[in-house]
Amino acid sequence: MNVKNTNVTTTPEILKRKLGAEYLVPVTITEFADGVCKAGSPIGADGAIQNGSGVAGILLYDVYEQNPNGSLIKGEAVINLANAEANSGLTIAEEVKTALATVHFE
């Protein structure tokens, strides 16, 4: 019998408030660090991390290399900036906030 133990943690919460009208779009992630792309990461249209004006959205959940499908927040959302930056390990650039004008960072 083959047994493999995997630690699973709770999903990081990057939304400050759930408005019910968040504009989400599907994305295939192409850039991973240690097999995961963390929630709160700014992502470009090519599925790679893009912490600048070419951003397409903010990654809603952690995405793993085994299943690279995720959801980007593109608008009508309130993001908890501290949680997003802590989980992603990035400081979200002002260009990202400007490019995503209908996403509010608090």
N, C-alpha and C. Protein backbone atom coordinates (compact mmCIF):
# COMPACT_ATOMS: atom_id res chain seq x y z
N MET A 1 0.84 -1.18 0.00
CA MET A 1 0.00 0.00 0.00
C MET A 1 0.89 1.24 0.00
N ASN A 2 0.64 2.12 -0.92
CA ASN A 2 1.39 3.37 -1.04
C ASN A 2 0.59 4.50 -0.40
N VAL A 3 1.19 5.21 0.54
CA VAL A 3 0.52 6.31 1.21
C VAL A 3 1.38 7.56 1.08
N LYS A 4 0.75 8.64 0.69
CA LYS A 4 1.45 9.91 0.59
C LYS A 4 0.71 10.94 1.43
N ASN A 5 1.40 11.55 2.38
CA ASN A 5 0.81 12.58 3.22
C ASN A 5 1.02 13.94 2.59
N THR A 6 -0.03 14.73 2.56
CA THR A 6 0.03 16.08 2.04
C THR A 6 -0.63 17.01 3.04
N ASN A 7 0.08 18.06 3.43
CA ASN A 7 -0.49 19.05 4.34
C ASN A 7 -1.36 20.01 3.55
N VAL A 8 -2.55 20.22 4.03
CA VAL A 8 -3.49 21.13 3.38
C VAL A 8 -3.86 22.21 4.40
N THR A 9 -3.77 23.45 3.98
CA THR A 9 -4.14 24.56 4.86
C THR A 9 -5.41 25.22 4.34
N THR A 10 -5.93 26.14 5.09
CA THR A 10 -7.12 26.84 4.64
C THR A 10 -6.77 27.79 3.49
N THR A 11 -7.75 28.12 2.71
CA THR A 11 -7.57 29.02 1.59
C THR A 11 -7.36 30.44 2.11
N PRO A 12 -6.31 31.12 1.65
CA PRO A 12 -6.10 32.50 2.09
C PRO A 12 -7.22 33.40 1.58
N GLU A 13 -7.66 34.30 2.43
CA GLU A 13 -8.77 35.20 2.08
C GLU A 13 -8.20 36.56 1.73
N ILE A 14 -8.24 36.91 0.44
CA ILE A 14 -7.72 38.21 0.02
C ILE A 14 -8.81 39.23 -0.21
N LEU A 15 -10.07 38.79 -0.26
CA LEU A 15 -11.17 39.74 -0.39
C LEU A 15 -11.51 40.30 0.98
N LYS A 16 -11.60 41.61 1.07
CA LYS A 16 -11.95 42.24 2.34
C LYS A 16 -13.44 42.11 2.61
N ARG A 17 -14.22 42.34 1.58
CA ARG A 17 -15.67 42.17 1.66
C ARG A 17 -16.13 41.47 0.39
N LYS A 18 -17.03 40.53 0.54
CA LYS A 18 -17.60 39.87 -0.63
C LYS A 18 -18.86 40.63 -1.03
N LEU A 19 -18.78 41.28 -2.18
CA LEU A 19 -19.88 42.11 -2.65
C LEU A 19 -20.90 41.31 -3.44
N GLY A 20 -20.49 40.16 -3.95
CA GLY A 20 -21.39 39.35 -4.76
C GLY A 20 -21.41 39.76 -6.21
N ALA A 21 -20.70 40.80 -6.57
CA ALA A 21 -20.68 41.27 -7.96
C ALA A 21 -19.26 41.32 -8.50
N GLU A 22 -18.34 40.58 -7.87
CA GLU A 22 -16.95 40.60 -8.32
C GLU A 22 -16.86 40.12 -9.78
N TYR A 23 -16.05 40.82 -10.56
CA TYR A 23 -15.85 40.47 -11.96
C TYR A 23 -14.63 39.55 -12.02
N LEU A 24 -14.87 38.25 -12.24
CA LEU A 24 -13.81 37.26 -12.28
C LEU A 24 -13.68 36.70 -13.69
N VAL A 25 -12.46 36.40 -14.09
CA VAL A 25 -12.22 35.76 -15.39
C VAL A 25 -11.28 34.57 -15.19
N PRO A 26 -11.47 33.51 -15.98
CA PRO A 26 -10.58 32.35 -15.87
C PRO A 26 -9.21 32.66 -16.46
N VAL A 27 -8.19 31.99 -15.92
CA VAL A 27 -6.82 32.18 -16.40
C VAL A 27 -6.06 30.88 -16.23
N THR A 28 -5.11 30.63 -17.14
CA THR A 28 -4.19 29.51 -16.99
C THR A 28 -2.86 30.10 -16.55
N ILE A 29 -2.42 29.73 -15.37
CA ILE A 29 -1.19 30.26 -14.79
C ILE A 29 0.02 29.59 -15.43
N THR A 30 1.04 30.38 -15.76
CA THR A 30 2.24 29.85 -16.41
C THR A 30 3.50 30.00 -15.57
N GLU A 31 3.42 30.72 -14.45
CA GLU A 31 4.61 30.97 -13.63
C GLU A 31 4.34 30.51 -12.19
N PHE A 32 5.20 29.60 -11.72
CA PHE A 32 5.05 29.03 -10.39
C PHE A 32 6.35 29.14 -9.61
N ALA A 33 6.24 29.27 -8.29
CA ALA A 33 7.39 29.22 -7.39
C ALA A 33 7.13 28.05 -6.44
N ASP A 34 7.99 27.05 -6.48
CA ASP A 34 7.83 25.84 -5.66
C ASP A 34 6.49 25.17 -5.91
N GLY A 35 6.02 25.19 -7.16
CA GLY A 35 4.81 24.49 -7.53
C GLY A 35 3.51 25.21 -7.26
N VAL A 36 3.59 26.47 -6.83
CA VAL A 36 2.36 27.21 -6.51
C VAL A 36 2.49 28.67 -6.94
N CYS A 37 1.37 29.24 -7.37
CA CYS A 37 1.27 30.68 -7.61
C CYS A 37 0.28 31.17 -6.57
N LYS A 38 0.70 32.08 -5.72
CA LYS A 38 -0.05 32.46 -4.54
C LYS A 38 -1.18 33.46 -4.83
N ALA A 39 -2.27 33.30 -4.09
CA ALA A 39 -3.39 34.24 -4.14
C ALA A 39 -2.90 35.63 -3.78
N GLY A 40 -3.43 36.63 -4.45
CA GLY A 40 -3.02 38.01 -4.22
C GLY A 40 -1.95 38.48 -5.18
N SER A 41 -1.43 37.56 -6.00
CA SER A 41 -0.40 37.92 -6.98
C SER A 41 -1.04 38.65 -8.16
N PRO A 42 -0.43 39.75 -8.60
CA PRO A 42 -0.91 40.41 -9.83
C PRO A 42 -0.47 39.57 -11.03
N ILE A 43 -1.40 39.26 -11.93
CA ILE A 43 -1.13 38.36 -13.05
C ILE A 43 -1.40 39.08 -14.37
N GLY A 44 -0.52 38.86 -15.35
CA GLY A 44 -0.69 39.42 -16.68
C GLY A 44 -1.54 38.51 -17.55
N ALA A 45 -1.85 38.95 -18.75
CA ALA A 45 -2.69 38.18 -19.67
C ALA A 45 -2.05 36.86 -20.07
N ASP A 46 -0.73 36.77 -19.98
CA ASP A 46 -0.02 35.53 -20.34
C ASP A 46 0.02 34.52 -19.20
N GLY A 47 -0.57 34.84 -18.05
CA GLY A 47 -0.61 33.92 -16.92
C GLY A 47 0.60 33.99 -16.01
N ALA A 48 1.50 34.93 -16.26
CA ALA A 48 2.70 35.11 -15.43
C ALA A 48 2.50 36.29 -14.49
N ILE A 49 3.29 36.31 -13.42
CA ILE A 49 3.21 37.42 -12.48
C ILE A 49 3.65 38.70 -13.19
N GLN A 50 2.83 39.74 -13.05
CA GLN A 50 3.09 41.02 -13.70
C GLN A 50 2.76 42.13 -12.71
N ASN A 51 3.76 42.59 -12.01
CA ASN A 51 3.54 43.62 -10.99
C ASN A 51 3.80 45.00 -11.60
N GLY A 52 2.96 45.36 -12.58
CA GLY A 52 3.10 46.64 -13.27
C GLY A 52 1.86 46.96 -14.07
N SER A 53 1.99 47.87 -15.01
CA SER A 53 0.83 48.36 -15.75
C SER A 53 0.22 47.33 -16.68
N GLY A 54 0.92 46.26 -17.02
CA GLY A 54 0.39 45.23 -17.91
C GLY A 54 -0.43 44.17 -17.20
N VAL A 55 -0.86 44.44 -15.99
CA VAL A 55 -1.59 43.46 -15.19
C VAL A 55 -2.99 43.23 -15.75
N ALA A 56 -3.45 41.96 -15.68
CA ALA A 56 -4.80 41.62 -16.13
C ALA A 56 -5.75 41.46 -14.95
N GLY A 57 -5.20 41.14 -13.78
CA GLY A 57 -6.04 40.96 -12.60
C GLY A 57 -5.24 40.44 -11.43
N ILE A 58 -5.92 40.22 -10.31
CA ILE A 58 -5.31 39.71 -9.08
C ILE A 58 -5.80 38.27 -8.89
N LEU A 59 -4.89 37.35 -8.63
CA LEU A 59 -5.24 35.94 -8.46
C LEU A 59 -6.06 35.75 -7.19
N LEU A 60 -7.23 35.13 -7.33
CA LEU A 60 -8.16 34.98 -6.22
C LEU A 60 -7.74 33.88 -5.24
N TYR A 61 -7.29 32.75 -5.75
CA TYR A 61 -6.90 31.61 -4.91
C TYR A 61 -5.51 31.12 -5.29
N ASP A 62 -4.85 30.40 -4.38
CA ASP A 62 -3.60 29.73 -4.72
C ASP A 62 -3.87 28.76 -5.87
N VAL A 63 -2.95 28.72 -6.84
CA VAL A 63 -3.06 27.81 -7.98
C VAL A 63 -1.81 26.95 -8.00
N TYR A 64 -2.02 25.63 -8.15
CA TYR A 64 -0.91 24.68 -8.11
C TYR A 64 -0.55 24.22 -9.52
N GLU A 65 0.71 23.88 -9.69
CA GLU A 65 1.24 23.51 -11.00
C GLU A 65 0.51 22.30 -11.59
N GLN A 66 0.04 21.38 -10.75
CA GLN A 66 -0.67 20.19 -11.23
C GLN A 66 -1.99 20.56 -11.91
N ASN A 67 -2.61 21.66 -11.49
CA ASN A 67 -3.85 22.15 -12.09
C ASN A 67 -3.73 23.67 -12.21
N PRO A 68 -3.20 24.16 -13.33
CA PRO A 68 -2.84 25.58 -13.45
C PRO A 68 -4.01 26.53 -13.72
N ASN A 69 -5.24 26.10 -13.49
CA ASN A 69 -6.41 26.93 -13.77
C ASN A 69 -6.80 27.75 -12.55
N GLY A 70 -7.02 29.05 -12.77
CA GLY A 70 -7.37 29.93 -11.67
C GLY A 70 -8.36 30.99 -12.10
N SER A 71 -8.65 31.89 -11.17
CA SER A 71 -9.56 33.01 -11.44
C SER A 71 -8.88 34.31 -11.08
N LEU A 72 -9.03 35.28 -11.98
CA LEU A 72 -8.49 36.61 -11.74
C LEU A 72 -9.61 37.56 -11.35
N ILE A 73 -9.33 38.42 -10.39
CA ILE A 73 -10.24 39.50 -10.03
C ILE A 73 -9.90 40.67 -10.94
N LYS A 74 -10.87 41.08 -11.76
CA LYS A 74 -10.64 42.18 -12.70
C LYS A 74 -11.37 43.45 -12.31
N GLY A 75 -12.41 43.33 -11.47
CA GLY A 75 -13.15 44.52 -11.13
C GLY A 75 -14.24 44.27 -10.11
N GLU A 76 -14.82 45.37 -9.62
CA GLU A 76 -15.94 45.34 -8.68
C GLU A 76 -15.63 44.49 -7.45
N ALA A 77 -14.45 44.68 -6.87
CA ALA A 77 -14.05 43.91 -5.69
C ALA A 77 -13.29 44.81 -4.73
N VAL A 78 -13.29 44.40 -3.46
CA VAL A 78 -12.51 45.08 -2.43
C VAL A 78 -11.49 44.08 -1.91
N ILE A 79 -10.22 44.37 -2.13
CA ILE A 79 -9.13 43.46 -1.75
C ILE A 79 -8.47 43.94 -0.47
N ASN A 80 -8.25 43.00 0.43
CA ASN A 80 -7.50 43.26 1.66
C ASN A 80 -6.03 43.30 1.26
N LEU A 81 -5.48 44.49 1.13
CA LEU A 81 -4.12 44.68 0.63
C LEU A 81 -3.09 43.97 1.50
N ALA A 82 -3.23 44.05 2.82
CA ALA A 82 -2.27 43.41 3.73
C ALA A 82 -2.26 41.89 3.53
N ASN A 83 -3.45 41.28 3.42
CA ASN A 83 -3.52 39.83 3.22
C ASN A 83 -2.97 39.42 1.85
N ALA A 84 -3.30 40.19 0.81
CA ALA A 84 -2.83 39.87 -0.54
C ALA A 84 -1.31 39.95 -0.61
N GLU A 85 -0.73 40.99 -0.03
CA GLU A 85 0.73 41.14 -0.06
C GLU A 85 1.42 40.10 0.80
N ALA A 86 0.85 39.79 1.96
CA ALA A 86 1.45 38.79 2.84
C ALA A 86 1.43 37.41 2.20
N ASN A 87 0.32 37.06 1.56
CA ASN A 87 0.22 35.73 0.96
C ASN A 87 1.09 35.61 -0.29
N SER A 88 1.08 36.64 -1.14
CA SER A 88 1.84 36.56 -2.40
C SER A 88 3.33 36.80 -2.21
N GLY A 89 3.69 37.49 -1.13
CA GLY A 89 5.10 37.83 -0.92
C GLY A 89 5.54 39.01 -1.76
N LEU A 90 4.60 39.72 -2.36
CA LEU A 90 4.90 40.87 -3.22
C LEU A 90 4.29 42.14 -2.63
N THR A 91 4.92 43.26 -2.90
CA THR A 91 4.30 44.55 -2.62
C THR A 91 3.63 44.98 -3.91
N ILE A 92 2.32 45.10 -3.88
CA ILE A 92 1.57 45.41 -5.10
C ILE A 92 1.86 46.85 -5.51
N ALA A 93 2.36 46.99 -6.74
CA ALA A 93 2.80 48.29 -7.27
C ALA A 93 1.62 49.23 -7.51
N GLU A 94 1.90 50.52 -7.45
CA GLU A 94 0.88 51.54 -7.72
C GLU A 94 0.34 51.41 -9.14
N GLU A 95 1.17 50.95 -10.09
CA GLU A 95 0.73 50.77 -11.47
C GLU A 95 -0.39 49.73 -11.56
N VAL A 96 -0.31 48.70 -10.71
CA VAL A 96 -1.35 47.67 -10.68
C VAL A 96 -2.66 48.28 -10.20
N LYS A 97 -2.59 49.07 -9.15
CA LYS A 97 -3.79 49.70 -8.59
C LYS A 97 -4.42 50.65 -9.60
N THR A 98 -3.60 51.34 -10.37
CA THR A 98 -4.11 52.25 -11.40
C THR A 98 -4.74 51.48 -12.55
N ALA A 99 -4.08 50.40 -12.97
CA ALA A 99 -4.58 49.60 -14.10
C ALA A 99 -5.90 48.92 -13.77
N LEU A 100 -6.09 48.56 -12.50
CA LEU A 100 -7.32 47.90 -12.07
C LEU A 100 -8.19 48.91 -11.33
N ALA A 101 -8.68 49.88 -12.06
CA ALA A 101 -9.35 51.05 -11.46
C ALA A 101 -10.62 50.69 -10.69
N THR A 102 -11.31 49.61 -11.06
CA THR A 102 -12.54 49.25 -10.36
C THR A 102 -12.33 48.22 -9.26
N VAL A 103 -11.06 47.92 -8.97
CA VAL A 103 -10.72 47.06 -7.83
C VAL A 103 -10.23 48.01 -6.74
N HIS A 104 -10.79 47.89 -5.56
CA HIS A 104 -10.41 48.76 -4.45
C HIS A 104 -9.49 48.00 -3.50
N PHE A 105 -8.37 48.61 -3.17
CA PHE A 105 -7.39 48.01 -2.26
C PHE A 105 -7.48 48.73 -0.93
N GLU A 106 -7.77 48.00 0.14
CA GLU A 106 -7.86 48.59 1.48
C GLU A 106 -6.96 47.85 2.44
